[in-house]
Amino acid sequence: MKNRALVLPKLSDDKEHAAASKKLADLRLQLTDAEEKRGAILINMNSGKERPQRDPIREAAKKMLETGSSPETSDEAKLLESYQELITRISVIKTAIRLQEQIVMDKRSSASFEVVERFRPVHHENVRKVVAKLKELDEALTAEEDLREGLSLAGFVVGQLRPMCIPELGYLWDMSSRVSIYLIEAFREGFIDQSDLPESFPVQPPREPKNPVSKAMKAKLDALTATA
C-alpha cells in the first residue's frame, strides 16, 4: 500500500471474530477426526465380507439364552455400535459447523460495518481528492489539445506535435465521457456537491437520502473513533 501513514486494522484483530473462527476450525478438526475413525471402522467391518453375513446382536442373544450369562458383545457388534455412534456424532458436528459458519459470518459483518464506518470519512476525502485531480487533469489535457488545434486552425502543419490525449478518459465537456460519468457518480453518492461540478454540467437532481445509522450504533462508532 502506497499510503504508509494510514494504518489499517486487520479482521484477525477483532476478538469476537477470532474466537468464532477458532471454534469453527476446532469443529472442522473434530469432523475430520470422526470421519477418519468412521473410515477405519468401515475397513475393519468390510475386511471379512467374503464370509457369510452374520447378525452379531442375534448371536449374542442366543448365547445369552443358552448359557444364562450376561450378554457379551462380539467385536463385530462393538464395531457396528461404534460406527453408529460415529454416524450420529458426524451429523451433529456437521450441523454445529453450519451454525458456527453463520456466527462467523455475522461477526465478520459486524466488525466490517464498524471498521467501514470508522474509515468512511477517509474514503470520502480520498474520492474528493480524485475529483480535484481529475479536474486539474482535464484542464491540462484541454490545454494540450487546444494548442495543437489552435496552431492547426491557424494554418500550420502540426504533425511534429504528437497528440497526447487520453481517449479512454475523455473530457469534461463531453457528458458521456468516463471522467464526466465519474464526477456525476461522485455527486450522486454524496462525495461532492453541485458546486464541485464544472459550471458546464447541468444541475443534478437531488440525491436520495441514505439509510441513517441508528443512535446506538453511532454512539458505538464515535467511541471507536475516539479510541482509534
Protein backbone atom coordinates (compact mmCIF):
# COMPACT_ATOMS: atom_id res chain seq x y z
CA MET A 1 0.00 0.00 0.00
CA LYS A 2 1.47 3.36 -1.03
CA ASN A 3 -0.15 5.39 1.74
CA ARG A 4 2.18 4.26 4.53
CA ALA A 5 0.88 6.84 7.01
CA LEU A 6 -2.53 5.16 7.18
CA VAL A 7 -2.51 2.10 9.42
CA LEU A 8 -5.41 -0.21 8.59
CA PRO A 9 -6.86 -2.72 11.05
CA LYS A 10 -6.97 -6.45 10.38
CA LEU A 11 -10.02 -8.65 10.71
CA SER A 12 -7.90 -11.02 12.80
CA ASP A 13 -7.60 -8.24 15.40
CA ASP A 14 -11.32 -8.48 16.15
CA LYS A 15 -11.54 -10.69 19.25
CA GLU A 16 -15.11 -11.88 18.73
CA HIS A 17 -14.50 -12.85 15.10
CA ALA A 18 -11.20 -14.52 16.03
CA ALA A 19 -12.86 -16.57 18.78
CA ALA A 20 -15.72 -17.62 16.50
CA SER A 21 -13.27 -18.57 13.73
CA LYS A 22 -11.18 -20.64 16.15
CA LYS A 23 -14.25 -22.53 17.31
CA LEU A 24 -15.17 -23.22 13.68
CA ALA A 25 -11.65 -24.50 12.97
CA ASP A 26 -11.84 -26.80 16.02
CA LEU A 27 -15.17 -28.20 14.83
CA ARG A 28 -13.72 -28.94 11.40
CA LEU A 29 -10.82 -30.79 13.02
CA GLN A 30 -13.31 -32.83 15.06
CA LEU A 31 -15.20 -33.67 11.88
CA THR A 32 -12.03 -34.80 10.12
CA ASP A 33 -11.09 -36.98 13.10
CA ALA A 34 -14.56 -38.56 13.29
CA GLU A 35 -14.65 -39.26 9.55
CA GLU A 36 -11.22 -40.88 9.69
CA LYS A 37 -12.37 -43.13 12.53
CA ARG A 38 -15.53 -43.99 10.57
CA GLY A 39 -13.41 -44.93 7.59
CA ALA A 40 -11.18 -47.16 9.70
CA ILE A 41 -14.20 -48.96 11.16
CA LEU A 42 -15.65 -49.48 7.69
CA ILE A 43 -12.40 -51.08 6.58
CA ASN A 44 -12.48 -53.46 9.57
CA MET A 45 -16.13 -54.29 9.03
CA ASN A 46 -15.65 -54.96 5.31
CA SER A 47 -12.45 -56.96 5.70
CA GLY A 48 -14.44 -60.14 6.24
CA LYS A 49 -17.34 -59.51 3.89
CA GLU A 50 -16.44 -62.62 1.84
CA ARG A 51 -17.75 -64.67 4.78
CA PRO A 52 -21.47 -65.39 5.13
CA GLN A 53 -23.29 -62.43 6.65
CA ARG A 54 -23.98 -62.76 10.35
CA ASP A 55 -26.12 -60.91 12.84
CA PRO A 56 -23.78 -60.29 15.81
CA ILE A 57 -26.60 -58.98 18.01
CA ARG A 58 -28.74 -62.09 17.36
CA GLU A 59 -25.78 -64.38 18.02
CA ALA A 60 -25.07 -62.68 21.33
CA ALA A 61 -28.73 -63.03 22.30
CA LYS A 62 -28.72 -66.78 21.52
CA LYS A 63 -25.59 -67.26 23.58
CA MET A 64 -27.24 -65.46 26.48
CA LEU A 65 -30.24 -67.79 26.31
CA GLU A 66 -28.08 -70.88 26.10
CA THR A 67 -25.71 -70.04 28.95
CA GLY A 68 -27.91 -67.80 31.08
CA SER A 69 -24.99 -65.41 31.42
CA SER A 70 -24.92 -61.69 30.84
CA PRO A 71 -24.81 -60.77 27.18
CA GLU A 72 -21.35 -60.37 25.73
CA THR A 73 -20.99 -58.16 22.74
CA SER A 74 -18.75 -59.51 19.98
CA ASP A 75 -16.00 -57.46 18.41
CA GLU A 76 -18.09 -57.15 15.28
CA ALA A 77 -21.06 -55.87 17.26
CA LYS A 78 -18.80 -53.40 19.05
CA LEU A 79 -17.56 -52.14 15.71
CA LEU A 80 -21.12 -51.72 14.50
CA GLU A 81 -22.06 -49.86 17.67
CA SER A 82 -19.05 -47.57 17.35
CA TYR A 83 -19.86 -46.96 13.71
CA GLN A 84 -23.43 -45.94 14.51
CA GLU A 85 -22.20 -43.64 17.28
CA LEU A 86 -19.78 -42.01 14.85
CA ILE A 87 -22.52 -41.52 12.26
CA THR A 88 -24.56 -39.65 14.87
CA ARG A 89 -21.53 -37.68 16.01
CA ILE A 90 -20.64 -36.70 12.44
CA SER A 91 -24.18 -35.47 11.80
CA VAL A 92 -24.11 -33.39 14.99
CA ILE A 93 -20.71 -31.89 14.16
CA LYS A 94 -21.81 -31.02 10.61
CA THR A 95 -24.86 -29.23 11.96
CA ALA A 96 -22.70 -27.40 14.51
CA ILE A 97 -20.34 -26.34 11.72
CA ARG A 98 -23.20 -24.87 9.68
CA LEU A 99 -24.43 -22.95 12.71
CA GLN A 100 -20.92 -21.74 13.58
CA GLU A 101 -20.28 -20.66 9.97
CA GLN A 102 -23.27 -18.35 10.24
CA ILE A 103 -21.95 -16.99 13.53
CA VAL A 104 -18.57 -16.30 11.91
CA MET A 105 -20.28 -14.52 9.02
CA ASP A 106 -22.32 -12.42 11.46
CA LYS A 107 -19.20 -11.48 13.44
CA ARG A 108 -17.40 -10.57 10.23
CA SER A 109 -20.29 -8.42 9.05
CA SER A 110 -20.48 -6.63 12.40
CA ALA A 111 -16.73 -5.98 12.51
CA SER A 112 -16.71 -4.89 8.87
CA PHE A 113 -19.55 -2.44 9.40
CA GLU A 114 -17.80 -0.79 12.33
CA VAL A 115 -14.47 -0.51 10.50
CA VAL A 116 -16.02 0.76 7.28
CA GLU A 117 -17.97 3.43 9.17
CA ARG A 118 -14.81 4.45 11.00
CA PHE A 119 -12.89 4.89 7.74
CA ARG A 120 -15.77 6.33 5.72
CA PRO A 121 -14.52 9.94 6.22
CA VAL A 122 -11.08 8.91 4.91
CA HIS A 123 -12.65 7.28 1.86
CA HIS A 124 -14.82 10.35 1.36
CA GLU A 125 -11.78 12.62 1.37
CA ASN A 126 -9.89 10.29 -0.98
CA VAL A 127 -12.67 10.48 -3.55
CA ARG A 128 -12.82 14.26 -3.26
CA LYS A 129 -9.08 14.35 -3.97
CA VAL A 130 -9.60 12.16 -7.04
CA VAL A 131 -12.29 14.54 -8.30
CA ALA A 132 -10.00 17.55 -7.78
CA LYS A 133 -7.13 15.84 -9.62
CA LEU A 134 -9.41 14.80 -12.47
CA LYS A 135 -10.50 18.41 -12.91
CA GLU A 136 -6.86 19.51 -12.94
CA LEU A 137 -6.00 16.78 -15.42
CA ASP A 138 -8.90 17.83 -17.64
CA GLU A 139 -7.56 21.39 -17.72
CA ALA A 140 -4.10 20.11 -18.69
CA LEU A 141 -5.46 17.79 -21.37
CA THR A 142 -7.66 20.55 -22.74
CA ALA A 143 -4.67 22.91 -22.91
CA GLU A 144 -2.64 20.24 -24.73
CA GLU A 145 -5.39 19.73 -27.30
CA ASP A 146 -6.18 23.45 -27.67
CA LEU A 147 -2.55 24.20 -28.51
CA ARG A 148 -2.40 21.67 -31.32
CA GLU A 149 -5.81 22.52 -32.71
CA GLY A 150 -5.14 26.29 -32.44
CA LEU A 151 -1.93 26.02 -34.43
CA SER A 152 -3.63 23.78 -36.98
CA LEU A 153 -6.54 26.21 -37.40
CA ALA A 154 -4.00 29.00 -37.89
CA GLY A 155 -2.71 27.16 -40.92
CA PHE A 156 0.38 25.48 -39.50
CA VAL A 157 1.34 21.85 -40.03
CA VAL A 158 1.46 20.38 -36.53
CA GLY A 159 2.42 16.81 -37.36
CA GLN A 160 5.51 17.11 -35.19
CA LEU A 161 3.30 17.69 -32.14
CA ARG A 162 2.25 14.23 -31.09
CA PRO A 163 -1.32 14.13 -29.70
CA MET A 164 -1.14 13.15 -26.01
CA CYS A 165 -4.81 12.96 -25.09
CA ILE A 166 -6.32 10.06 -23.12
CA PRO A 167 -9.24 8.83 -25.29
CA GLU A 168 -10.41 6.33 -22.66
CA LEU A 169 -10.82 9.15 -20.15
CA GLY A 170 -12.36 11.81 -22.36
CA TYR A 171 -13.07 15.44 -21.43
CA LEU A 172 -15.45 17.13 -19.02
CA TRP A 173 -17.17 18.98 -21.86
CA ASP A 174 -18.43 15.57 -23.03
CA MET A 175 -21.16 14.40 -20.64
CA SER A 176 -20.84 10.83 -21.93
CA SER A 177 -17.10 10.58 -21.23
CA ARG A 178 -15.80 8.42 -18.42
CA VAL A 179 -14.44 11.39 -16.50
CA SER A 180 -17.83 13.12 -16.61
CA ILE A 181 -19.63 9.95 -15.57
CA TYR A 182 -17.19 9.59 -12.65
CA LEU A 183 -17.93 13.09 -11.39
CA ILE A 184 -21.69 12.60 -11.70
CA GLU A 185 -21.44 9.31 -9.81
CA ALA A 186 -19.37 11.02 -7.11
CA PHE A 187 -22.13 13.62 -6.75
CA ARG A 188 -24.90 11.03 -6.59
CA GLU A 189 -23.02 9.09 -3.89
CA GLY A 190 -22.59 12.24 -1.80
CA PHE A 191 -18.84 12.69 -2.15
CA ILE A 192 -19.15 16.12 -3.78
CA ASP A 193 -21.74 18.88 -4.10
CA GLN A 194 -23.17 20.61 -7.15
CA SER A 195 -20.63 23.41 -6.60
CA ASP A 196 -17.81 20.89 -7.10
CA LEU A 197 -19.04 20.03 -10.59
CA PRO A 198 -17.88 22.07 -13.61
CA GLU A 199 -20.12 25.02 -14.49
CA SER A 200 -20.87 23.38 -17.83
CA PHE A 201 -22.59 20.48 -16.06
CA PRO A 202 -26.38 20.62 -15.83
CA VAL A 203 -27.92 20.89 -12.39
CA GLN A 204 -28.18 17.40 -10.97
CA PRO A 205 -31.38 16.09 -9.35
CA PRO A 206 -31.40 15.93 -5.54
CA ARG A 207 -29.66 12.91 -4.05
CA GLU A 208 -31.72 10.19 -2.43
CA PRO A 209 -31.15 10.09 1.36
CA LYS A 210 -29.05 7.21 2.63
CA ASN A 211 -30.22 4.87 5.37
CA PRO A 212 -29.29 6.59 8.66
CA VAL A 213 -27.15 4.83 11.25
CA SER A 214 -29.01 4.02 14.46
CA LYS A 215 -28.23 6.15 17.54
CA ALA A 216 -26.82 3.13 19.38
CA MET A 217 -24.52 2.23 16.50
CA LYS A 218 -23.48 5.88 16.07
CA ALA A 219 -22.53 6.09 19.75
CA LYS A 220 -20.50 2.90 19.41
CA LEU A 221 -18.77 4.22 16.28
CA ASP A 222 -18.00 7.52 17.98
CA ALA A 223 -16.40 5.64 20.86
CA LEU A 224 -14.34 3.54 18.46
CA THR A 225 -13.23 6.63 16.57
CA ALA A 226 -12.23 8.36 19.79
CA THR A 227 -10.02 5.43 20.83
CA ALA A 228 -8.59 4.81 17.35
